[in-house]
C-alpha atoms as a PDB file:
ATOM      1  CA  MET A   1     125.663 105.250  74.826  1.00  0.00           C
ATOM      2  CA  THR A   2     128.751 104.641  76.970  1.00  0.00           C
ATOM      3  CA  ASN A   3     128.626 102.495  80.064  1.00  0.00           C
ATOM      4  CA  LEU A   4     129.146 105.606  82.213  1.00  0.00           C
ATOM      5  CA  ALA A   5     126.262 107.452  80.551  1.00  0.00           C
ATOM      6  CA  LEU A   6     124.041 104.391  80.842  1.00  0.00           C
ATOM      7  CA  GLN A   7     124.942 104.088  84.506  1.00  0.00           C
ATOM      8  CA  ARG A   8     124.095 107.738  85.115  1.00  0.00           C
ATOM      9  CA  THR A   9     120.766 107.381  83.310  1.00  0.00           C
ATOM     10  CA  THR A  10     119.892 104.302  85.345  1.00  0.00           C
ATOM     11  CA  MET A  11     120.816 106.067  88.580  1.00  0.00           C
ATOM     12  CA  TYR A  12     118.739 109.091  87.608  1.00  0.00           C
ATOM     13  CA  HIS A  13     115.623 107.124  86.733  1.00  0.00           C
ATOM     14  CA  GLY A  14     116.089 104.903  89.767  1.00  0.00           C
ATOM     15  CA  ALA A  15     116.196 107.948  92.019  1.00  0.00           C
ATOM     16  CA  GLU A  16     113.197 109.425  90.255  1.00  0.00           C
ATOM     17  CA  THR A  17     111.198 106.216  90.753  1.00  0.00           C
ATOM     18  CA  GLN A  18     112.243 106.045  94.396  1.00  0.00           C
ATOM     19  CA  GLU A  19     110.984 109.585  94.936  1.00  0.00           C
ATOM     20  CA  GLN A  20     107.584 108.544  93.625  1.00  0.00           C
ATOM     21  CA  ILE A  21     107.118 105.748  96.171  1.00  0.00           C
ATOM     22  CA  ASN A  22     104.558 107.119  98.613  1.00  0.00           C
ATOM     23  CA  LEU A  23     103.045 103.919 100.058  1.00  0.00           C
ATOM     24  CA  ASN A  24     104.563 102.108 103.006  1.00  0.00           C
ATOM     25  CA  TRP A  25     104.852  98.323 102.912  1.00  0.00           C
ATOM     26  CA  PRO A  26     101.838  97.428 105.115  1.00  0.00           C
ATOM     27  CA  GLU A  27      99.547  99.405 102.808  1.00  0.00           C
ATOM     28  CA  ARG A  28     101.222  97.918  99.716  1.00  0.00           C
ATOM     29  CA  TYR A  29     100.542  94.402 101.034  1.00  0.00           C
ATOM     30  CA  VAL A  30      96.882  95.297 101.612  1.00  0.00           C
ATOM     31  CA  SER A  31      96.594  96.738  98.083  1.00  0.00           C
ATOM     32  CA  ILE A  32      98.118  93.607  96.506  1.00  0.00           C
ATOM     33  CA  ALA A  33      95.874  91.268  98.515  1.00  0.00           C
ATOM     34  CA  ALA A  34      92.753  93.286  97.699  1.00  0.00           C
ATOM     35  CA  GLY A  35      93.777  93.536  94.042  1.00  0.00           C
ATOM     36  CA  VAL A  36      94.243  89.787  93.718  1.00  0.00           C
ATOM     37  CA  LYS A  37      90.887  89.126  95.387  1.00  0.00           C
ATOM     38  CA  LEU A  38      89.020  91.566  93.124  1.00  0.00           C
ATOM     39  CA  ALA A  39      90.743  90.339  89.967  1.00  0.00           C
ATOM     40  CA  PHE A  40      90.031  86.673  90.811  1.00  0.00           C
ATOM     41  CA  SER A  41      86.368  87.505  91.526  1.00  0.00           C
ATOM     42  CA  GLY A  42      86.121  89.388  88.230  1.00  0.00           C
ATOM     43  CA  LEU A  43      87.584  86.475  86.238  1.00  0.00           C
ATOM     44  CA  THR A  44      85.380  83.934  87.988  1.00  0.00           C
ATOM     45  CA  HIS A  45      82.139  85.767  87.170  1.00  0.00           C
ATOM     46  CA  ILE A  46      83.117  87.259  83.805  1.00  0.00           C
ATOM     47  CA  PHE A  47      80.356  85.387  81.935  1.00  0.00           C
ATOM     48  CA  ASN A  48      77.620  85.696  84.573  1.00  0.00           C
ATOM     49  CA  SER A  49      78.107  89.423  85.296  1.00  0.00           C
ATOM     50  CA  PRO A  50      80.267  90.930  82.540  1.00  0.00           C
ATOM     51  CA  PHE A  51      79.850  94.592  83.511  1.00  0.00           C
ATOM     52  CA  THR A  52      80.504  94.057  87.233  1.00  0.00           C
ATOM     53  CA  SER A  53      83.396  91.733  86.439  1.00  0.00           C
ATOM     54  CA  ILE A  54      85.051  94.324  84.191  1.00  0.00           C
ATOM     55  CA  LEU A  55      84.796  96.885  86.991  1.00  0.00           C
ATOM     56  CA  LYS A  56      86.324  94.409  89.437  1.00  0.00           C
ATOM     57  CA  LEU A  57      89.145  93.602  87.015  1.00  0.00           C
ATOM     58  CA  GLY A  58      89.868  97.296  86.540  1.00  0.00           C
ATOM     59  CA  ALA A  59      89.856  97.996  90.274  1.00  0.00           C
ATOM     60  CA  GLY A  60      91.918  94.882  90.947  1.00  0.00           C
ATOM     61  CA  GLY A  61      94.490  95.895  88.347  1.00  0.00           C
ATOM     62  CA  TYR A  62      94.742  99.379  89.832  1.00  0.00           C
ATOM     63  CA  LEU A  63      95.265  98.009  93.355  1.00  0.00           C
ATOM     64  CA  LEU A  64      97.846  95.488  92.132  1.00  0.00           C
ATOM     65  CA  ASN A  65      99.790  98.193  90.318  1.00  0.00           C
ATOM     66  CA  ARG A  66      99.512 100.445  93.366  1.00  0.00           C
ATOM     67  CA  GLY A  67     100.877  97.749  95.667  1.00  0.00           C
ATOM     68  CA  ILE A  68     103.639  96.499  93.355  1.00  0.00           C
ATOM     69  CA  THR A  69     104.990  99.933  92.399  1.00  0.00           C
ATOM     70  CA  GLY A  70     104.398 101.564  95.781  1.00  0.00           C
ATOM     71  CA  HIS A  71     103.048 104.635  94.012  1.00  0.00           C
ATOM     72  CA  CYS A  72      99.586 106.164  94.457  1.00  0.00           C
ATOM     73  CA  GLU A  73      98.738 109.023  92.114  1.00  0.00           C
ATOM     74  CA  LEU A  74      95.945 110.225  94.389  1.00  0.00           C
ATOM     75  CA  TYR A  75      98.396 110.603  97.271  1.00  0.00           C
ATOM     76  CA  THR A  76     100.729 112.558  94.979  1.00  0.00           C
ATOM     77  CA  LYS A  77      97.923 114.989  94.124  1.00  0.00           C
ATOM     78  CA  LEU A  78      97.209 115.370  97.840  1.00  0.00           C
ATOM     79  CA  GLY A  79     100.841 116.297  98.421  1.00  0.00           C
ATOM     80  CA  LYS A  80     102.172 113.006  99.803  1.00  0.00           C
ATOM     81  CA  THR A  81     105.268 112.161  97.780  1.00  0.00           C
ATOM     82  CA  THR A  82     107.193 109.969 100.249  1.00  0.00           C
ATOM     83  CA  THR A  83     106.475 107.228 102.785  1.00  0.00           C
ATOM     84  CA  GLU A  84     107.448 109.545 105.632  1.00  0.00           C
ATOM     85  CA  PRO A  85     104.532 110.413 107.943  1.00  0.00           C
ATOM     86  CA  ILE A  86     103.181 113.944 107.752  1.00  0.00           C
ATOM     87  CA  ASN A  87     103.181 115.494 111.194  1.00  0.00           C
ATOM     88  CA  VAL A  88     100.707 118.305 111.664  1.00  0.00           C
ATOM     89  CA  ASN A  89     101.631 121.119 114.041  1.00  0.00           C
ATOM     90  CA  ILE A  90      99.058 123.647 115.196  1.00  0.00           C
ATOM     91  CA  ARG A  91      99.963 126.677 117.299  1.00  0.00           C
ATOM     92  CA  SER A  92      97.808 129.367 118.866  1.00  0.00           C
ATOM     93  CA  SER A  93      98.534 132.237 121.250  1.00  0.00           C
ATOM     94  CA  PHE A  94      96.011 134.343 123.125  1.00  0.00           C
ATOM     95  CA  THR A  95      95.561 136.425 126.257  1.00  0.00           C
ATOM     96  CA  VAL A  96      92.938 135.895 128.975  1.00  0.00           C
ATOM     97  CA  ASN A  97      91.985 138.291 131.743  1.00  0.00           C
ATOM     98  CA  LYS A  98      92.891 136.000 134.613  1.00  0.00           C
ATOM     99  CA  PRO A  99      96.060 135.643 136.743  1.00  0.00           C
ATOM    100  CA  ARG A 100      98.606 133.094 135.526  1.00  0.00           C
ATOM    101  CA  GLU A 101      98.226 130.754 138.533  1.00  0.00           C
ATOM    102  CA  GLU A 102      94.455 130.599 138.084  1.00  0.00           C
ATOM    103  CA  VAL A 103      94.721 129.844 134.358  1.00  0.00           C
ATOM    104  CA  TYR A 104      97.358 127.148 134.955  1.00  0.00           C
ATOM    105  CA  ASN A 105      95.282 125.485 137.703  1.00  0.00           C
ATOM    106  CA  PHE A 106      92.211 125.397 135.501  1.00  0.00           C
ATOM    107  CA  TRP A 107      94.099 123.822 132.565  1.00  0.00           C
ATOM    108  CA  ARG A 108      95.990 121.395 134.814  1.00  0.00           C
ATOM    109  CA  LYS A 109      92.690 119.818 135.841  1.00  0.00           C
ATOM    110  CA  LEU A 110      92.366 118.062 132.491  1.00  0.00           C
ATOM    111  CA  ASP A 111      88.719 117.067 132.885  1.00  0.00           C
ATOM    112  CA  ASN A 112      87.957 120.815 132.627  1.00  0.00           C
ATOM    113  CA  LEU A 113      89.087 120.814 128.984  1.00  0.00           C
ATOM    114  CA  PRO A 114      85.812 119.533 127.433  1.00  0.00           C
ATOM    115  CA  LEU A 115      84.070 122.563 129.002  1.00  0.00           C
ATOM    116  CA  PHE A 116      85.548 124.707 126.236  1.00  0.00           C
ATOM    117  CA  MET A 117      87.133 122.220 123.810  1.00  0.00           C
ATOM    118  CA  LYS A 118      83.960 121.291 121.967  1.00  0.00           C
ATOM    119  CA  HIS A 119      85.674 118.635 119.831  1.00  0.00           C
ATOM    120  CA  LEU A 120      86.495 116.696 123.010  1.00  0.00           C
ATOM    121  CA  GLU A 121      83.717 114.445 124.217  1.00  0.00           C
ATOM    122  CA  SER A 122      85.441 113.740 127.518  1.00  0.00           C
ATOM    123  CA  VAL A 123      88.741 113.605 129.384  1.00  0.00           C
ATOM    124  CA  GLU A 124      88.885 111.170 132.279  1.00  0.00           C
ATOM    125  CA  VAL A 125      91.697 111.703 134.772  1.00  0.00           C
ATOM    126  CA  LEU A 126      93.094 108.273 135.685  1.00  0.00           C
ATOM    127  CA  ASP A 127      95.808 109.411 138.081  1.00  0.00           C
ATOM    128  CA  GLU A 128      98.176 112.326 138.617  1.00  0.00           C
ATOM    129  CA  LYS A 129      99.781 111.869 135.187  1.00  0.00           C
ATOM    130  CA  ARG A 130      97.592 109.624 133.010  1.00  0.00           C
ATOM    131  CA  SER A 131      94.249 110.456 131.420  1.00  0.00           C
ATOM    132  CA  HIS A 132      91.798 108.978 128.887  1.00  0.00           C
ATOM    133  CA  TRP A 133      90.705 111.222 125.992  1.00  0.00           C
ATOM    134  CA  VAL A 134      87.690 110.834 123.688  1.00  0.00           C
ATOM    135  CA  LEU A 135      87.701 112.981 120.530  1.00  0.00           C
ATOM    136  CA  LYS A 136      84.648 113.714 118.389  1.00  0.00           C
ATOM    137  CA  LEU A 137      85.519 113.859 114.699  1.00  0.00           C
ATOM    138  CA  PRO A 138      84.100 116.678 112.536  1.00  0.00           C
ATOM    139  CA  THR A 139      80.309 116.479 111.962  1.00  0.00           C
ATOM    140  CA  ASN A 140      80.231 113.827 114.730  1.00  0.00           C
ATOM    141  CA  VAL A 141      80.668 110.994 112.228  1.00  0.00           C
ATOM    142  CA  ALA A 142      82.623 108.993 114.798  1.00  0.00           C
ATOM    143  CA  SER A 143      84.806 109.281 117.872  1.00  0.00           C
ATOM    144  CA  VAL A 144      88.261 108.020 118.720  1.00  0.00           C
ATOM    145  CA  SER A 145      89.941 107.615 122.086  1.00  0.00           C
ATOM    146  CA  TRP A 146      93.438 107.238 123.487  1.00  0.00           C
ATOM    147  CA  ASP A 147      95.383 107.427 126.725  1.00  0.00           C
ATOM    148  CA  ALA A 148      97.854 110.222 127.393  1.00  0.00           C
ATOM    149  CA  GLU A 149     100.244 111.204 130.114  1.00  0.00           C
ATOM    150  CA  ILE A 150     101.683 114.460 131.360  1.00  0.00           C
ATOM    151  CA  VAL A 151     105.395 114.376 130.540  1.00  0.00           C
ATOM    152  CA  LYS A 152     106.313 117.781 131.946  1.00  0.00           C
ATOM    153  CA  ASP A 153     104.655 119.902 134.582  1.00  0.00           C
ATOM    154  CA  GLU A 154     106.074 123.232 135.730  1.00  0.00           C
ATOM    155  CA  PRO A 155     103.490 124.833 138.035  1.00  0.00           C
ATOM    156  CA  ASN A 156     102.196 128.154 136.667  1.00  0.00           C
ATOM    157  CA  GLU A 157     104.647 127.895 133.761  1.00  0.00           C
ATOM    158  CA  MET A 158     104.039 124.959 131.409  1.00  0.00           C
ATOM    159  CA  ILE A 159     102.191 121.651 130.927  1.00  0.00           C
ATOM    160  CA  GLY A 160     103.374 119.082 128.362  1.00  0.00           C
ATOM    161  CA  TRP A 161     101.541 115.882 127.420  1.00  0.00           C
ATOM    162  CA  SER A 162     101.876 112.985 124.993  1.00  0.00           C
ATOM    163  CA  SER A 163      99.726 110.049 123.912  1.00  0.00           C
ATOM    164  CA  LEU A 164     100.822 106.645 125.143  1.00  0.00           C
ATOM    165  CA  PRO A 165     102.279 104.045 122.722  1.00  0.00           C
ATOM    166  CA  GLY A 166      99.648 102.241 120.674  1.00  0.00           C
ATOM    167  CA  SER A 167      97.239 105.170 120.533  1.00  0.00           C
ATOM    168  CA  ILE A 168      95.028 105.503 117.448  1.00  0.00           C
ATOM    169  CA  ILE A 169      96.188 109.108 117.028  1.00  0.00           C
ATOM    170  CA  ASP A 170      99.781 109.794 118.014  1.00  0.00           C
ATOM    171  CA  ASN A 171      99.736 113.281 119.472  1.00  0.00           C
ATOM    172  CA  ALA A 172     101.566 115.569 121.824  1.00  0.00           C
ATOM    173  CA  GLY A 173     101.238 119.102 122.988  1.00  0.00           C
ATOM    174  CA  LYS A 174     102.300 121.747 125.411  1.00  0.00           C
ATOM    175  CA  VAL A 175     100.809 124.910 126.816  1.00  0.00           C
ATOM    176  CA  ARG A 176     102.852 127.746 128.310  1.00  0.00           C
ATOM    177  CA  PHE A 177     101.613 130.430 130.654  1.00  0.00           C
ATOM    178  CA  LYS A 178     103.218 133.878 130.902  1.00  0.00           C
ATOM    179  CA  ASP A 179     102.200 137.134 132.531  1.00  0.00           C
ATOM    180  CA  GLY A 180     100.321 139.301 130.072  1.00  0.00           C
ATOM    181  CA  ILE A 181     100.985 142.954 129.335  1.00  0.00           C
ATOM    182  CA  GLU A 182      98.005 144.060 131.407  1.00  0.00           C
ATOM    183  CA  PRO A 183      98.232 143.387 135.174  1.00  0.00           C
ATOM    184  CA  GLY A 184      96.328 140.239 136.141  1.00  0.00           C
ATOM    185  CA  SER A 185      96.248 138.859 132.580  1.00  0.00           C
ATOM    186  CA  THR A 186      97.927 135.723 131.167  1.00  0.00           C
ATOM    187  CA  LEU A 187      99.449 134.995 127.770  1.00  0.00           C
ATOM    188  CA  VAL A 188      98.699 131.371 126.788  1.00  0.00           C
ATOM    189  CA  ASP A 189     100.741 129.672 124.065  1.00  0.00           C
ATOM    190  CA  VAL A 190      99.386 126.305 122.862  1.00  0.00           C
ATOM    191  CA  VAL A 191     101.175 123.877 120.523  1.00  0.00           C
ATOM    192  CA  VAL A 192      99.469 120.654 119.403  1.00  0.00           C
ATOM    193  CA  SER A 193     101.179 118.070 117.166  1.00  0.00           C
ATOM    194  CA  TYR A 194      99.624 114.936 115.752  1.00  0.00           C
ATOM    195  CA  GLU A 195     100.370 112.216 113.239  1.00  0.00           C
ATOM    196  CA  PRO A 196      97.234 111.155 111.337  1.00  0.00           C
ATOM    197  CA  PRO A 197      96.103 107.543 111.827  1.00  0.00           C
ATOM    198  CA  ALA A 198      95.950 104.619 109.417  1.00  0.00           C
ATOM    199  CA  GLY A 199      99.480 104.824 108.051  1.00  0.00           C
ATOM    200  CA  GLY A 200      99.639 105.962 104.449  1.00  0.00           C
ATOM    201  CA  VAL A 201      95.895 106.560 104.193  1.00  0.00           C
ATOM    202  CA  GLY A 202      95.974 108.989 107.079  1.00  0.00           C
ATOM    203  CA  THR A 203      99.075 110.834 105.967  1.00  0.00           C
ATOM    204  CA  GLY A 204      97.776 111.020 102.418  1.00  0.00           C
ATOM    205  CA  ILE A 205      94.808 113.116 103.501  1.00  0.00           C
ATOM    206  CA  ALA A 206      96.693 115.103 106.136  1.00  0.00           C
ATOM    207  CA  HIS A 207      96.694 118.207 103.954  1.00  0.00           C
ATOM    208  CA  ILE A 208      92.907 118.026 103.851  1.00  0.00           C
ATOM    209  CA  LEU A 209      92.480 117.346 107.567  1.00  0.00           C
ATOM    210  CA  ASN A 210      94.954 119.999 108.690  1.00  0.00           C
ATOM    211  CA  PRO A 211      92.677 123.015 108.034  1.00  0.00           C
ATOM    212  CA  ILE A 212      89.790 121.165 109.721  1.00  0.00           C
ATOM    213  CA  PHE A 213      91.800 120.457 112.859  1.00  0.00           C
ATOM    214  CA  LYS A 214      93.254 123.970 112.783  1.00  0.00           C
ATOM    215  CA  ASN A 215      89.742 125.437 112.718  1.00  0.00           C
ATOM    216  CA  MET A 216      88.731 123.150 115.584  1.00  0.00           C
ATOM    217  CA  VAL A 217      91.688 124.290 117.710  1.00  0.00           C
ATOM    218  CA  ASP A 218      91.116 127.951 116.846  1.00  0.00           C
ATOM    219  CA  GLU A 219      87.475 127.634 117.882  1.00  0.00           C
ATOM    220  CA  ASP A 220      88.484 125.931 121.133  1.00  0.00           C
ATOM    221  CA  VAL A 221      90.946 128.744 121.807  1.00  0.00           C
ATOM    222  CA  ARG A 222      88.206 131.346 121.401  1.00  0.00           C
ATOM    223  CA  ASN A 223      85.938 129.288 123.647  1.00  0.00           C
ATOM    224  CA  PHE A 224      88.642 129.035 126.324  1.00  0.00           C
ATOM    225  CA  LYS A 225      89.308 132.770 126.254  1.00  0.00           C
ATOM    226  CA  GLN A 226      85.598 133.524 126.514  1.00  0.00           C
ATOM    227  CA  TYR A 227      85.097 130.915 129.239  1.00  0.00           C
ATOM    228  CA  MET A 228      87.974 132.209 131.382  1.00  0.00           C
ATOM    229  CA  ASP A 229      87.087 135.862 130.842  1.00  0.00           C
ATOM    230  CA  ILE A 230      83.461 135.295 131.872  1.00  0.00           C
ATOM    231  CA  GLU A 231      83.476 132.448 134.373  1.00  0.00           C
ATOM    232  CA  ASP A 232      84.420 132.894 138.023  1.00  0.00           C
ATOM    233  CA  VAL A 233      86.652 129.863 138.554  1.00  0.00           C
ATOM    234  CA  THR A 234      86.594 128.996 142.246  1.00  0.00           C
ATOM    235  CA  PRO A 235      89.397 127.162 144.093  1.00  0.00           C
ATOM    236  CA  SER A 236      87.205 124.030 144.403  1.00  0.00           C
ATOM    237  CA  ILE A 237      87.028 123.775 140.602  1.00  0.00           C
ATOM    238  CA  VAL A 238      90.685 124.295 139.865  1.00  0.00           C
ATOM    239  CA  ASN A 239      92.142 122.131 142.621  1.00  0.00           C
ATOM    240  CA  HIS A 240      93.812 119.128 140.918  1.00  0.00           C
ATOM    241  CA  ASN A 241      95.217 117.317 143.929  1.00  0.00           C
END
């Protein structure tokens, strides 16, 4: 094989290996540390507990290989083939039988959101822009919280928000309000984006979580439409000043 051909082969396999790296460095460090600990424990107790020690050695070897190579086959099967985070974008549009100003005012008072967003445990308004959100995970196994701020506010037109730096779940969203086809109705367009938590672990299961979160948002949308179509929202409820 000529030097040129060898060089091309090396470049090809190098690129192929690089494409298979789907763990970021913090998670690789954790895998290596855990692998070393398990392997050392397995070797130390190999004569006292042979079966358990063999399992520990196998698990430790897997974690070491995972951390050293930066490749996780499970992540690959889940669709995560790079170290880039997987951002999930969910969009829903619907029409409610209320005037645009009334719908905007109701949404702008953020602590109204848990009334129809059943996956939200609470939203506490801290000031005119900042708020504290508590999210209930599916089947109520746990809850997570973060602080967010309104980054854009166009009365009766659009509300945009984003989580503050350091939040467990990085997320952002916007909701637009337009006059509907029928007089006195409003077309609501909601876009929610989030980056799953826990680095590579979170992004690795993003393809599994996406349908769950999509179903949660779709259900909330139906709840909001029903709530606004049925409830008589008085000025005292929607006033956000």
